[in-house]
Amino acid sequence: MTDPHDLHAEVVVMPPLADPLPITLSNALADRIGQLGRTEDIHFSPDGSRLAIAGFKKGSCLVLGVRVSDGPTVTLSSALEITSDALREPHGFDFIGNDRLVVANRGGAVTVFRLPAQTDGEVTLKPETVIARMWPLAAVKTPGSVVAFETTKGRIGLLVCQNYAHQISFHEFKVGQRWLPVRGRIALTKGLDIPDGIAITPGQKLVAVSSHNTHEVLIYDWKPATGPETKPVARLTGVEFPHGLRFSEGGARLFVADAGSPAVYVFERPERGWMGDIAPVSAFAPISEAVFRQGRHNPQEGGPKGIDIDPSGRVLAVTNEVQPLAFFDVSALTAGPVP
């Protein structure tokens, strides 16, 4: 009989192993990516020229120069490592434009950095702003993931997963020469137990949140007045420990990385819309079983962590502690059966 505590003896049901896209890069650049250690989130800039990856234990962020060409093919041309006293267990990212990087630091606050023109080497930055509170007496606690969007012209909204507070906070700022807070509040709590990843649909109609300990992704209607009593409109099931997640360009699909298995699951919007209980339609493995087992320190680890889709919608990027970065052709990822 298999000992459930013996992670090397457990049976792993592998979905189809996806073929990664070849990457054009130098040996020196490959070495720098390989030295990242534990990775978490990953995010493309809006123009697709930059790709940010978390160096969680190193306390740094790696910003890669990237180009996606027809084929698709991927070329990595540079790597800028960002260090800062404000980077404390960097976990989640988003871009504001192409030169501002928002970082959710699980061991600290939410920080916004203005990226320099420099694209290679290492640079120590001070944050443009630090977001540590929702309002004067309410602190942001263990921020793990973040999504940024324009609320109105000249104003930026941030939705922040406060991992171990089990809630999503909303922060709005008027952004010019300075970041001027407009409002901050708890936005979502219902059904959440360690919200570990977040994504918003194009048009900002719906928000999807990974709920780690309930083994599901919850989808909520999003409006400026959304508050903590808001209940999810949909539950996406069948995932062990959901982590990174991204909607497709039109919002018809949601890709979900499962940190507790070798799989990325694909969910499709039903005809009724994102409502009710929804099971995945397909799955694929971006890592081999050997890679999965090498990172399998406990039942919540070993699988893919961060995922993002480039702005053209053609390439999916995936992170994993043992295999820090791989790219896949999105058009080839929707046919594999669910394990």
Foldseek 3Di string as FASTA:
>chain_A
DDDPFPLVRDDADAWAAFDFADEADDPVVVVVLQPLFFWFAKDAALVRQWIWIDSQVVLKIKIWGWDFDPVTHIYTYAIEIEHEPQRHRFHEWDDDHRFWIWTQHQVHFIFIQGHDPDGHDYDYGDGLDTQQAQDDPGGQHRFHYKDWDAPDVQKIKIWTQRFQVQFIKIWMFRDDSHTHTDGIDTAERPPAHGFAEWEAAVVRQKIWTFRFVVQWIFIFGDDPPHHHVGDGFEIEHDANGWHYKYAFNHRQKMWTWHQQHQKIFIWGADPVGRGYYTYTAAIHGNDDPVQQSVFCPDRRHSYWHYWDARNVRQKIWIAHSNRGITIHGPVPGRPIHDD
